[in-house]
């Protein structure tokens, strides 16, 4: 995962606890997970629409 090992993940976790406190970490993790999920879904929609867009542009170019 991004080239991070266990020691690096522990450092990130400790910094997160120090900055945000242990009570806010679960809500931050949930928000981050939802944001990543939304981003991935958006990227999938764009890549699935790409062949449709290319076909439409190719068809529009023939009439000119």
Foldseek 3Di string as FASTA:
>chain_A
DVPDDPVNVVVVVVVCCVVPNPVCVVVVVVVVVVVVVVVVVVVVVVVVCVVVVVVVVVVVVVVD
